[in-house]
């Protein structure tokens, strides 16, 4: 196959160098690609958290206007819980509970003579919910794409080496009904 030992050694060395170069290039490509996908998803997550905090701000103000009775007291407790740093599953549970309380509170306040003073807060929460729904769709698409790419071979090796974790998915779709 080879005319002499020297040409065999040189050929094998060239092949080993080329294979090593290819492996390093593939690894760098996977690191850059996963980093880019994660960065895009985290930017979308930041938008989601911004809309959540704005909606929470309106709920906080509404809670302080209503005082400490009945559903208003429950809303104040949920607002306090939502202001803490939590994982996506806890944020989702708190958001769903807050949505249920706000629905009851809005029905309760609608008959109140002072409803006109509370209505702008409900309207702003409605607007933020619409923006939140769009942001959640974008984030979920980016997070699911990152999670799928992270589990594909050979990216799974890079993800394990860099200790990348799956991005969480929110479960608040039941509360996104187009009302506060």
Protein backbone atom coordinates (compact mmCIF):
# COMPACT_ATOMS: atom_id res chain seq x y z
CA UNK A 1 0.00 0.00 0.00
CA UNK A 2 2.75 2.44 0.94
CA UNK A 3 6.10 2.26 -0.89
CA UNK A 4 8.06 2.66 2.34
CA UNK A 5 7.66 3.23 6.07
CA UNK A 6 8.37 6.94 5.84
CA UNK A 7 5.42 7.65 3.53
CA UNK A 8 3.13 5.56 5.76
CA UNK A 9 4.08 7.55 8.87
CA UNK A 10 3.63 10.88 7.08
CA UNK A 11 0.23 9.84 5.67
CA UNK A 12 -1.00 8.63 9.05
CA UNK A 13 0.22 11.83 10.75
CA UNK A 14 -1.59 14.00 8.18
CA UNK A 15 -4.83 12.04 8.66
CA UNK A 16 -4.56 12.32 12.47
CA UNK A 17 -3.95 16.08 12.25
CA UNK A 18 -6.92 16.53 9.90
CA UNK A 19 -9.21 14.47 12.15
CA UNK A 20 -8.06 16.45 15.21
CA UNK A 21 -8.67 19.73 13.39
CA UNK A 22 -12.15 18.55 12.34
CA UNK A 23 -13.05 17.54 15.91
CA UNK A 24 -11.90 20.89 17.31
CA UNK A 25 -13.84 22.76 14.60
CA UNK A 26 -17.01 20.74 15.28
CA UNK A 27 -16.65 21.34 19.03
CA UNK A 28 -16.20 25.10 18.59
CA UNK A 29 -19.18 25.21 16.25
CA UNK A 30 -21.37 23.44 18.82
CA UNK A 31 -20.19 25.69 21.65
CA UNK A 32 -20.92 28.82 19.60
CA UNK A 33 -24.24 27.51 18.32
CA UNK A 34 -25.55 26.45 21.74
CA UNK A 35 -24.34 29.70 23.28
CA UNK A 36 -26.17 31.71 20.62
CA UNK A 37 -29.42 29.77 21.06
CA UNK A 38 -29.23 30.08 24.83
CA UNK A 39 -28.55 33.81 24.60
CA UNK A 40 -31.59 34.29 22.32
CA UNK A 41 -33.83 32.32 24.67
CA UNK A 42 -32.60 34.22 27.73
CA UNK A 43 -33.31 37.53 25.96
CA UNK A 44 -36.89 36.33 25.38
CA UNK A 45 -37.09 35.22 29.03
CA UNK A 46 -36.08 38.72 30.09
CA UNK A 47 -39.01 40.14 28.07
CA UNK A 48 -41.38 37.67 29.75
CA UNK A 49 -40.15 38.64 33.20
CA UNK A 50 -40.50 42.33 32.32
CA UNK A 51 -44.15 41.88 31.35
CA UNK A 52 -44.78 39.74 34.42
CA UNK A 53 -43.30 42.39 36.69
CA UNK A 54 -45.31 45.18 35.02
CA UNK A 55 -48.52 43.22 35.46
CA UNK A 56 -47.49 42.49 39.03
CA UNK A 57 -46.88 46.21 39.57
CA UNK A 58 -50.42 47.05 38.50
CA UNK A 59 -51.76 44.28 40.73
CA UNK A 60 -49.68 45.65 43.63
CA UNK A 61 -51.09 49.14 43.16
CA UNK A 62 -54.63 47.80 42.87
CA UNK A 63 -54.10 45.72 45.99
CA UNK A 64 -52.92 48.76 47.96
CA UNK A 65 -55.97 50.76 46.81
CA UNK A 66 -58.43 48.07 47.86
CA UNK A 67 -57.31 47.65 51.44
CA UNK A 68 -57.11 44.40 53.37
CA UNK A 69 -60.39 42.51 53.06
CA UNK A 70 -61.59 39.34 51.32
CA UNK A 71 -60.13 38.80 47.86
CA UNK A 72 -58.05 41.97 48.18
CA UNK A 73 -56.20 40.40 51.11
CA UNK A 74 -55.61 37.23 49.09
CA UNK A 75 -54.36 39.33 46.16
CA UNK A 76 -51.94 41.16 48.47
CA UNK A 77 -50.59 37.81 49.73
CA UNK A 78 -50.12 36.52 46.17
CA UNK A 79 -48.41 39.75 45.13
CA UNK A 80 -45.99 39.36 48.04
CA UNK A 81 -45.30 35.78 46.99
CA UNK A 82 -44.83 36.73 43.33
CA UNK A 83 -42.24 39.39 44.18
CA UNK A 84 -39.85 36.71 45.46
CA UNK A 85 -37.34 35.05 43.13
CA UNK A 86 -38.86 31.72 42.08
CA UNK A 87 -38.40 28.99 39.46
CA UNK A 88 -40.72 28.94 36.42
CA UNK A 89 -43.04 26.33 37.94
CA UNK A 90 -43.64 28.46 41.05
CA UNK A 91 -44.06 31.60 38.96
CA UNK A 92 -46.66 29.77 36.88
CA UNK A 93 -48.58 28.57 39.94
CA UNK A 94 -48.55 32.03 41.50
CA UNK A 95 -49.64 33.63 38.24
CA UNK A 96 -52.55 31.19 37.86
CA UNK A 97 -53.66 31.79 41.46
CA UNK A 98 -53.37 35.56 41.01
CA UNK A 99 -55.43 35.36 37.81
CA UNK A 100 -58.19 33.46 39.60
CA UNK A 101 -58.27 36.02 42.43
CA UNK A 102 -58.27 38.94 39.97
CA UNK A 103 -61.21 37.40 38.09
CA UNK A 104 -63.22 37.13 41.32
CA UNK A 105 -62.13 40.58 42.41
CA UNK A 106 -63.13 42.18 39.12
CA UNK A 107 -66.60 40.62 39.31
CA UNK A 108 -66.88 41.76 42.92
CA UNK A 109 -65.74 45.32 42.18
CA UNK A 110 -67.83 45.75 39.03
CA UNK A 111 -70.92 46.44 41.14
CA UNK A 112 -68.98 48.88 43.33
CA UNK A 113 -69.57 52.59 42.74
CA UNK A 114 -65.80 53.19 42.77
CA UNK A 115 -65.19 50.70 39.94
CA UNK A 116 -64.27 53.53 37.56
CA UNK A 117 -61.24 54.31 39.71
CA UNK A 118 -60.14 50.65 39.59
CA UNK A 119 -60.93 50.05 35.91
CA UNK A 120 -57.69 51.61 34.53
CA UNK A 121 -55.63 49.12 36.52
CA UNK A 122 -57.63 46.21 35.12
CA UNK A 123 -57.22 47.67 31.61
CA UNK A 124 -53.45 48.02 32.03
CA UNK A 125 -53.23 44.46 33.35
CA UNK A 126 -55.19 43.34 30.29
CA UNK A 127 -52.75 45.16 27.97
CA UNK A 128 -49.76 43.62 29.76
CA UNK A 129 -51.35 40.19 29.54
CA UNK A 130 -51.64 40.53 25.76
CA UNK A 131 -47.97 41.54 25.53
CA UNK A 132 -47.07 38.72 27.93
CA UNK A 133 -48.82 36.18 25.70
CA UNK A 134 -46.72 37.28 22.71
CA UNK A 135 -43.51 37.25 24.76
CA UNK A 136 -44.31 33.78 26.13
CA UNK A 137 -44.84 32.40 22.63
CA UNK A 138 -41.45 33.75 21.54
CA UNK A 139 -39.72 32.50 24.67
CA UNK A 140 -41.26 29.03 24.50
CA UNK A 141 -40.24 28.68 20.86
CA UNK A 142 -36.66 29.75 21.64
CA UNK A 143 -36.43 27.63 24.81
CA UNK A 144 -37.83 24.50 23.15
CA UNK A 145 -35.46 24.94 20.20
CA UNK A 146 -32.48 25.34 22.55
CA UNK A 147 -33.54 22.31 24.60
CA UNK A 148 -33.91 20.17 21.46
CA UNK A 149 -30.55 21.30 20.06
CA UNK A 150 -28.87 20.70 23.41
CA UNK A 151 -29.97 17.06 23.46
CA UNK A 152 -28.83 16.30 19.90
CA UNK A 153 -25.52 14.59 19.22
CA UNK A 154 -22.73 15.88 19.36
CA UNK A 155 -24.10 19.01 21.09
CA UNK A 156 -25.08 16.89 24.10
CA UNK A 157 -21.36 16.32 24.77
CA UNK A 158 -20.70 20.07 24.72
CA UNK A 159 -23.76 20.78 26.89
CA UNK A 160 -22.64 18.22 29.46
CA UNK A 161 -19.12 19.60 29.48
CA UNK A 162 -20.38 23.19 29.92
CA UNK A 163 -23.05 22.06 32.43
CA UNK A 164 -25.87 23.65 30.42
CA UNK A 165 -29.34 23.01 31.81
CA UNK A 166 -32.69 22.87 30.04
CA UNK A 167 -34.53 26.17 29.96
CA UNK A 168 -37.82 26.10 31.88
CA UNK A 169 -41.23 26.33 30.24
CA UNK A 170 -44.00 28.38 31.86
CA UNK A 171 -47.47 26.88 32.28
CA UNK A 172 -49.62 30.00 32.44
CA UNK A 173 -51.57 29.49 29.23
CA UNK A 174 -54.77 28.71 31.17
CA UNK A 175 -54.66 32.23 32.62
CA UNK A 176 -54.06 34.05 29.32
CA UNK A 177 -57.69 34.59 28.41
CA UNK A 178 -57.51 38.20 27.29
CA UNK A 179 -58.78 39.69 30.51
CA UNK A 180 -57.11 40.75 33.75
